[in-house]
């Protein structure tokens, strides 16, 4: 398992309007950011999403941790905040790192 911080700015443009009065980070943004970090750290190209489960919403400014493990043709991941699971799942991946 590899560990890193997942940094999403408190003023990310996805927060306003999602939802008014109680902003939360859309799941698609959370997955997109996780994908970018995993690809940069591993050199792999993630080609799809096999599974994702969201356990709790992410509010602006929450410090997030990303843990991921590279498997055969996939990368499993867990995103957490203060020891509480936010999301987990599995990306599909090319077996060869990007050149």
N, C-alpha and C. Protein backbone atom coordinates (compact mmCIF):
# COMPACT_ATOMS: atom_id res chain seq x y z
N UNK A 1 0.86 -1.18 0.00
CA UNK A 1 0.00 0.00 0.00
C UNK A 1 0.90 1.23 0.00
N UNK A 2 0.58 2.18 -0.84
CA UNK A 2 1.27 3.47 -0.88
C UNK A 2 0.34 4.51 -0.30
N UNK A 3 0.92 5.50 0.40
CA UNK A 3 0.12 6.52 1.07
C UNK A 3 0.57 7.90 0.62
N UNK A 4 -0.40 8.80 0.46
CA UNK A 4 -0.11 10.19 0.12
C UNK A 4 -1.29 11.06 0.53
N UNK A 5 -1.06 12.36 0.55
CA UNK A 5 -2.16 13.28 0.80
C UNK A 5 -2.90 13.53 -0.50
N UNK A 6 -4.18 13.76 -0.39
CA UNK A 6 -5.01 14.12 -1.53
C UNK A 6 -5.47 15.54 -1.28
N UNK A 7 -4.88 16.49 -1.96
CA UNK A 7 -5.14 17.90 -1.68
C UNK A 7 -6.19 18.45 -2.64
N UNK A 8 -7.29 18.89 -2.06
CA UNK A 8 -8.36 19.53 -2.83
C UNK A 8 -8.65 20.86 -2.14
N UNK A 9 -8.45 21.93 -2.88
CA UNK A 9 -8.58 23.27 -2.31
C UNK A 9 -9.99 23.52 -1.77
N UNK A 10 -10.05 24.21 -0.65
CA UNK A 10 -11.34 24.54 -0.03
C UNK A 10 -12.18 25.41 -0.94
N UNK A 11 -11.53 26.13 -1.86
CA UNK A 11 -12.27 26.98 -2.80
C UNK A 11 -12.40 26.34 -4.19
N UNK A 12 -12.29 25.01 -4.24
CA UNK A 12 -12.44 24.30 -5.52
C UNK A 12 -13.76 24.73 -6.17
N UNK A 13 -13.77 24.96 -7.48
CA UNK A 13 -14.97 25.45 -8.16
C UNK A 13 -16.17 24.51 -8.11
N UNK A 14 -15.98 23.27 -7.72
CA UNK A 14 -17.11 22.33 -7.64
C UNK A 14 -17.97 22.55 -6.40
N UNK A 15 -17.43 23.21 -5.38
CA UNK A 15 -18.19 23.38 -4.13
C UNK A 15 -19.39 24.32 -4.24
N UNK A 16 -19.23 25.50 -4.84
CA UNK A 16 -20.40 26.41 -4.88
C UNK A 16 -21.58 25.77 -5.63
N UNK A 17 -22.71 25.78 -5.00
CA UNK A 17 -23.92 25.23 -5.62
C UNK A 17 -24.07 23.73 -5.42
N UNK A 18 -23.14 23.09 -4.76
CA UNK A 18 -23.23 21.63 -4.55
C UNK A 18 -22.98 21.32 -3.08
N UNK A 19 -23.75 21.57 -2.25
CA UNK A 19 -25.14 22.02 -2.24
C UNK A 19 -25.21 23.36 -1.51
N UNK A 20 -26.11 24.25 -1.92
CA UNK A 20 -26.22 25.55 -1.25
C UNK A 20 -26.47 25.40 0.25
N UNK A 21 -25.67 26.12 1.03
CA UNK A 21 -25.81 26.07 2.48
C UNK A 21 -25.04 24.95 3.15
N UNK A 22 -24.69 23.91 2.41
CA UNK A 22 -23.88 22.80 2.95
C UNK A 22 -23.05 22.20 1.81
N UNK A 23 -21.98 22.91 1.44
CA UNK A 23 -21.20 22.43 0.30
C UNK A 23 -20.50 21.10 0.58
N UNK A 24 -20.56 20.21 -0.40
CA UNK A 24 -19.81 18.95 -0.34
C UNK A 24 -19.14 18.74 -1.70
N UNK A 25 -18.07 17.97 -1.67
CA UNK A 25 -17.33 17.69 -2.89
C UNK A 25 -18.05 16.61 -3.70
N UNK A 26 -18.33 16.88 -4.97
CA UNK A 26 -18.96 15.84 -5.79
C UNK A 26 -18.04 14.61 -5.90
N UNK A 27 -18.62 13.44 -5.88
CA UNK A 27 -17.85 12.21 -5.95
C UNK A 27 -16.98 12.13 -7.19
N UNK A 28 -17.46 12.65 -8.31
CA UNK A 28 -16.68 12.58 -9.55
C UNK A 28 -15.40 13.40 -9.42
N UNK A 29 -15.42 14.49 -8.68
CA UNK A 29 -14.21 15.29 -8.46
C UNK A 29 -13.25 14.52 -7.56
N UNK A 30 -13.76 13.89 -6.54
CA UNK A 30 -12.94 13.09 -5.63
C UNK A 30 -12.23 11.98 -6.40
N UNK A 31 -12.96 11.27 -7.25
CA UNK A 31 -12.36 10.20 -8.05
C UNK A 31 -11.35 10.73 -9.05
N UNK A 32 -11.67 11.85 -9.69
CA UNK A 32 -10.76 12.46 -10.66
C UNK A 32 -9.43 12.82 -10.00
N UNK A 33 -9.49 13.44 -8.84
CA UNK A 33 -8.27 13.84 -8.14
C UNK A 33 -7.48 12.61 -7.70
N UNK A 34 -8.16 11.58 -7.21
CA UNK A 34 -7.47 10.34 -6.82
C UNK A 34 -6.79 9.72 -8.04
N UNK A 35 -7.47 9.69 -9.17
CA UNK A 35 -6.89 9.12 -10.39
C UNK A 35 -5.62 9.88 -10.78
N UNK A 36 -5.67 11.20 -10.77
CA UNK A 36 -4.50 12.00 -11.15
C UNK A 36 -3.31 11.73 -10.23
N UNK A 37 -3.56 11.65 -8.94
CA UNK A 37 -2.48 11.41 -7.98
C UNK A 37 -1.89 10.01 -8.16
N UNK A 38 -2.75 9.01 -8.33
CA UNK A 38 -2.27 7.64 -8.51
C UNK A 38 -1.46 7.51 -9.79
N UNK A 39 -1.94 8.09 -10.88
CA UNK A 39 -1.20 8.03 -12.14
C UNK A 39 0.17 8.69 -12.01
N UNK A 40 0.22 9.85 -11.36
CA UNK A 40 1.49 10.56 -11.19
C UNK A 40 2.46 9.77 -10.31
N UNK A 41 1.95 9.15 -9.27
CA UNK A 41 2.81 8.42 -8.33
C UNK A 41 3.28 7.07 -8.88
N UNK A 42 2.45 6.44 -9.70
CA UNK A 42 2.74 5.07 -10.15
C UNK A 42 3.29 4.98 -11.56
N UNK A 43 3.01 5.99 -12.39
CA UNK A 43 3.39 5.91 -13.79
C UNK A 43 2.42 5.08 -14.62
N UNK A 44 1.37 4.56 -13.99
CA UNK A 44 0.36 3.78 -14.71
C UNK A 44 -0.66 4.69 -15.36
N UNK A 45 -1.34 4.17 -16.36
CA UNK A 45 -2.49 4.85 -16.95
C UNK A 45 -3.73 4.11 -16.47
N UNK A 46 -4.58 4.82 -15.73
CA UNK A 46 -5.83 4.22 -15.27
C UNK A 46 -6.85 4.35 -16.38
N UNK A 47 -7.46 3.24 -16.75
CA UNK A 47 -8.30 3.20 -17.94
C UNK A 47 -9.79 3.15 -17.66
N UNK A 48 -10.15 2.98 -16.40
CA UNK A 48 -11.57 2.91 -16.07
C UNK A 48 -11.76 2.74 -14.58
N UNK A 49 -13.01 2.69 -14.20
CA UNK A 49 -13.38 2.53 -12.80
C UNK A 49 -14.19 1.25 -12.67
N UNK A 50 -13.69 0.29 -11.91
CA UNK A 50 -14.39 -0.97 -11.73
C UNK A 50 -15.41 -0.89 -10.60
N UNK A 51 -15.09 -0.10 -9.56
CA UNK A 51 -15.93 -0.05 -8.37
C UNK A 51 -15.61 1.21 -7.58
N UNK A 52 -16.64 1.84 -7.05
CA UNK A 52 -16.45 2.97 -6.14
C UNK A 52 -17.59 3.00 -5.15
N UNK A 53 -17.24 3.24 -3.91
CA UNK A 53 -18.24 3.36 -2.85
C UNK A 53 -17.90 4.60 -2.03
N UNK A 54 -18.91 5.42 -1.80
CA UNK A 54 -18.74 6.65 -1.03
C UNK A 54 -19.35 6.43 0.34
N UNK A 55 -18.57 6.69 1.38
CA UNK A 55 -18.98 6.39 2.75
C UNK A 55 -19.46 7.62 3.51
N UNK A 56 -18.94 8.80 3.16
CA UNK A 56 -19.36 10.04 3.81
C UNK A 56 -18.98 11.21 2.91
N UNK A 57 -19.71 12.34 3.05
CA UNK A 57 -19.39 13.51 2.23
C UNK A 57 -18.09 14.17 2.67
N UNK A 58 -17.48 14.92 1.74
CA UNK A 58 -16.27 15.68 2.00
C UNK A 58 -16.62 17.16 1.98
N UNK A 59 -16.35 17.84 3.09
CA UNK A 59 -16.61 19.28 3.21
C UNK A 59 -15.37 20.06 2.79
N UNK A 60 -15.54 21.33 2.42
CA UNK A 60 -14.38 22.15 2.05
C UNK A 60 -13.34 22.18 3.16
N UNK A 61 -12.07 22.06 2.77
CA UNK A 61 -10.97 22.18 3.71
C UNK A 61 -10.59 20.91 4.45
N UNK A 62 -11.32 19.81 4.26
CA UNK A 62 -10.97 18.58 4.95
C UNK A 62 -9.66 18.00 4.39
N UNK A 63 -8.76 17.63 5.28
CA UNK A 63 -7.50 17.00 4.88
C UNK A 63 -7.79 15.54 4.54
N UNK A 64 -7.42 15.14 3.34
CA UNK A 64 -7.70 13.78 2.87
C UNK A 64 -6.42 12.99 2.68
N UNK A 65 -6.48 11.72 3.01
CA UNK A 65 -5.37 10.80 2.79
C UNK A 65 -5.80 9.77 1.75
N UNK A 66 -4.87 9.43 0.87
CA UNK A 66 -5.12 8.44 -0.18
C UNK A 66 -4.15 7.29 0.02
N UNK A 67 -4.68 6.09 0.09
CA UNK A 67 -3.87 4.87 0.14
C UNK A 67 -4.24 4.06 -1.09
N UNK A 68 -3.25 3.50 -1.77
CA UNK A 68 -3.56 2.70 -2.95
C UNK A 68 -2.57 1.55 -3.08
N UNK A 69 -3.04 0.49 -3.71
CA UNK A 69 -2.23 -0.70 -3.94
C UNK A 69 -2.42 -1.14 -5.39
N UNK A 70 -1.31 -1.41 -6.04
CA UNK A 70 -1.32 -1.82 -7.44
C UNK A 70 -1.46 -3.33 -7.50
N UNK A 71 -2.47 -3.78 -8.24
CA UNK A 71 -2.69 -5.21 -8.45
C UNK A 71 -2.45 -5.56 -9.90
N UNK A 72 -2.92 -6.70 -10.30
CA UNK A 72 -2.79 -7.16 -11.67
C UNK A 72 -3.91 -6.56 -12.51
N UNK A 73 -3.60 -5.49 -13.24
CA UNK A 73 -4.60 -4.84 -14.08
C UNK A 73 -5.55 -3.92 -13.34
N UNK A 74 -5.24 -3.62 -12.05
CA UNK A 74 -6.11 -2.73 -11.29
C UNK A 74 -5.33 -2.03 -10.18
N UNK A 75 -5.94 -1.01 -9.64
CA UNK A 75 -5.38 -0.29 -8.49
C UNK A 75 -6.52 -0.07 -7.51
N UNK A 76 -6.41 -0.69 -6.33
CA UNK A 76 -7.41 -0.46 -5.29
C UNK A 76 -7.02 0.77 -4.49
N UNK A 77 -8.02 1.49 -3.96
CA UNK A 77 -7.73 2.72 -3.25
C UNK A 77 -8.70 2.91 -2.08
N UNK A 78 -8.24 3.66 -1.09
CA UNK A 78 -9.06 4.09 0.04
C UNK A 78 -8.73 5.56 0.27
N UNK A 79 -9.76 6.39 0.37
CA UNK A 79 -9.61 7.81 0.71
C UNK A 79 -10.22 8.00 2.09
N UNK A 80 -9.47 8.66 2.97
CA UNK A 80 -9.97 8.84 4.33
C UNK A 80 -9.70 10.26 4.83
N UNK A 81 -10.42 10.62 5.89
CA UNK A 81 -10.23 11.89 6.58
C UNK A 81 -10.24 11.59 8.07
N UNK A 82 -9.15 11.96 8.76
CA UNK A 82 -9.04 11.79 10.21
C UNK A 82 -9.39 10.36 10.64
N UNK A 83 -8.90 9.39 9.86
CA UNK A 83 -9.12 7.99 10.20
C UNK A 83 -10.47 7.43 9.81
N UNK A 84 -11.33 8.25 9.23
CA UNK A 84 -12.66 7.82 8.82
C UNK A 84 -12.69 7.65 7.29
N UNK A 85 -13.14 6.49 6.82
CA UNK A 85 -13.19 6.22 5.39
C UNK A 85 -14.19 7.13 4.69
N UNK A 86 -13.73 7.79 3.64
CA UNK A 86 -14.56 8.67 2.81
C UNK A 86 -15.06 7.91 1.58
N UNK A 87 -14.14 7.19 0.93
CA UNK A 87 -14.47 6.45 -0.29
C UNK A 87 -13.45 5.35 -0.48
N UNK A 88 -13.84 4.33 -1.23
CA UNK A 88 -12.90 3.30 -1.63
C UNK A 88 -13.37 2.71 -2.94
N UNK A 89 -12.49 1.94 -3.57
CA UNK A 89 -12.85 1.33 -4.83
C UNK A 89 -11.66 0.77 -5.56
N UNK A 90 -11.85 0.62 -6.86
CA UNK A 90 -10.82 0.01 -7.68
C UNK A 90 -10.86 0.61 -9.08
N UNK A 91 -9.71 1.11 -9.52
CA UNK A 91 -9.54 1.57 -10.89
C UNK A 91 -8.98 0.42 -11.73
N UNK A 92 -9.31 0.41 -13.01
CA UNK A 92 -8.68 -0.49 -13.96
C UNK A 92 -7.42 0.19 -14.46
N UNK A 93 -6.38 -0.58 -14.78
CA UNK A 93 -5.10 0.02 -15.18
C UNK A 93 -4.45 -0.78 -16.28
N UNK A 94 -3.70 -0.07 -17.14
CA UNK A 94 -2.81 -0.74 -18.06
C UNK A 94 -1.74 -1.42 -17.22
N UNK A 95 -1.28 -2.58 -17.64
CA UNK A 95 -0.29 -3.30 -16.86
C UNK A 95 1.11 -2.73 -17.01
N UNK A 96 1.33 -1.92 -18.01
CA UNK A 96 2.64 -1.31 -18.22
C UNK A 96 2.60 0.17 -17.85
N UNK A 97 3.63 0.66 -17.13
CA UNK A 97 3.68 2.11 -16.84
C UNK A 97 3.77 2.90 -18.13
N UNK A 98 3.24 4.13 -18.09
CA UNK A 98 3.31 5.03 -19.25
C UNK A 98 4.77 5.41 -19.51
N UNK A 99 5.13 5.56 -20.77
CA UNK A 99 6.52 5.92 -21.13
C UNK A 99 6.76 7.39 -20.97
